[in-house]
């Protein structure tokens, strides 16, 4: 499994718009071969997004297919550029598969 971890500062005045945009982003990801799921954490001023893929190749292909659309959807909601925190293979996991 391959993981990508990003941090986004968001505009709190746009939170009402965020739910629809985030649902569209999730739907785009779910259509991609090799997509394994995501977690989005809200710390009150930032979103931290963890995207999981079956492989780096699937992640790269997914970015090529939907990257511009995802950026377009998120651009009005975030303040500045996302911060790439980590990219690489998952070496341990303990998840029960439940989705919120």
Protein backbone atom coordinates (compact mmCIF):
# COMPACT_ATOMS: atom_id res chain seq x y z
CA UNK A 1 0.00 0.00 0.00
CA UNK A 2 1.12 3.56 -0.78
CA UNK A 3 0.21 6.66 1.26
CA UNK A 4 0.20 10.40 0.62
CA UNK A 5 -0.18 12.81 3.54
CA UNK A 6 -0.97 16.49 2.91
CA UNK A 7 -1.89 19.44 5.10
CA UNK A 8 -4.22 22.20 3.92
CA UNK A 9 -4.91 25.51 5.67
CA UNK A 10 -8.57 26.20 5.00
CA UNK A 11 -10.77 29.25 4.87
CA UNK A 12 -13.27 28.90 7.75
CA UNK A 13 -15.74 31.20 6.00
CA UNK A 14 -16.09 28.57 3.26
CA UNK A 15 -16.87 25.56 5.46
CA UNK A 16 -20.50 25.44 4.31
CA UNK A 17 -19.23 25.00 0.74
CA UNK A 18 -16.68 22.41 1.79
CA UNK A 19 -18.98 19.42 2.31
CA UNK A 20 -20.16 19.33 -1.29
CA UNK A 21 -16.68 19.90 -2.70
CA UNK A 22 -15.15 17.26 -0.44
CA UNK A 23 -17.85 14.77 -1.46
CA UNK A 24 -17.02 15.43 -5.13
CA UNK A 25 -13.30 14.99 -4.42
CA UNK A 26 -14.03 11.67 -2.68
CA UNK A 27 -16.18 10.50 -5.61
CA UNK A 28 -13.37 11.32 -8.05
CA UNK A 29 -10.91 9.32 -5.97
CA UNK A 30 -13.29 6.36 -5.63
CA UNK A 31 -13.51 6.05 -9.42
CA UNK A 32 -9.75 5.54 -9.73
CA UNK A 33 -8.28 2.04 -10.07
CA UNK A 34 -6.11 1.19 -7.09
CA UNK A 35 -7.65 3.75 -4.75
CA UNK A 36 -7.77 2.29 -1.22
CA UNK A 37 -9.41 5.08 0.82
CA UNK A 38 -8.80 8.35 2.61
CA UNK A 39 -8.97 9.99 6.00
CA UNK A 40 -9.52 13.72 6.47
CA UNK A 41 -8.72 15.22 9.86
CA UNK A 42 -9.84 18.74 10.85
CA UNK A 43 -7.76 20.35 13.60
CA UNK A 44 -9.75 23.58 13.51
CA UNK A 45 -7.46 25.50 11.17
CA UNK A 46 -6.07 22.80 8.87
CA UNK A 47 -7.21 19.67 7.14
CA UNK A 48 -4.78 16.80 7.14
CA UNK A 49 -5.56 14.37 4.32
CA UNK A 50 -4.26 10.82 4.16
CA UNK A 51 -4.86 9.16 0.78
CA UNK A 52 -4.21 5.44 0.44
CA UNK A 53 -3.52 3.62 -2.81
CA UNK A 54 -2.73 0.02 -3.66
CA UNK A 55 0.59 1.10 -5.19
CA UNK A 56 2.65 4.13 -6.11
CA UNK A 57 1.80 3.48 -9.76
CA UNK A 58 -1.94 3.65 -8.94
CA UNK A 59 -1.38 6.90 -7.00
CA UNK A 60 0.58 8.42 -9.89
CA UNK A 61 -2.06 7.36 -12.41
CA UNK A 62 -4.82 8.70 -10.17
CA UNK A 63 -3.07 12.07 -9.89
CA UNK A 64 -2.66 12.22 -13.64
CA UNK A 65 -6.36 11.43 -14.11
CA UNK A 66 -7.95 13.66 -11.46
CA UNK A 67 -5.28 15.96 -10.01
CA UNK A 68 -6.39 19.07 -11.89
CA UNK A 69 -10.07 18.47 -11.01
CA UNK A 70 -9.25 17.98 -7.33
CA UNK A 71 -7.15 21.14 -7.25
CA UNK A 72 -9.97 23.08 -8.93
CA UNK A 73 -12.50 21.86 -6.33
CA UNK A 74 -10.25 22.57 -3.34
CA UNK A 75 -8.77 25.88 -4.49
CA UNK A 76 -11.66 28.08 -3.28
CA UNK A 77 -11.68 26.36 0.12
CA UNK A 78 -8.02 26.41 1.07
CA UNK A 79 -5.69 29.23 1.97
CA UNK A 80 -2.42 28.82 0.08
CA UNK A 81 -0.73 25.75 -1.28
CA UNK A 82 -1.08 22.37 0.40
CA UNK A 83 1.92 21.13 2.36
CA UNK A 84 3.13 17.69 1.32
CA UNK A 85 4.07 15.98 4.58
CA UNK A 86 4.94 12.44 3.52
CA UNK A 87 4.73 10.05 0.57
CA UNK A 88 5.70 6.42 0.65
CA UNK A 89 4.87 2.81 1.32
CA UNK A 90 2.72 1.90 4.30
CA UNK A 91 4.85 -0.33 6.51
CA UNK A 92 2.27 -1.04 9.25
CA UNK A 93 -1.50 -0.61 9.58
CA UNK A 94 -4.23 -1.49 12.05
CA UNK A 95 -7.55 -0.38 10.59
CA UNK A 96 -10.95 -2.01 10.87
CA UNK A 97 -12.27 -0.74 7.52
CA UNK A 98 -15.05 1.47 8.91
CA UNK A 99 -15.88 4.66 7.07
CA UNK A 100 -17.31 7.79 8.70
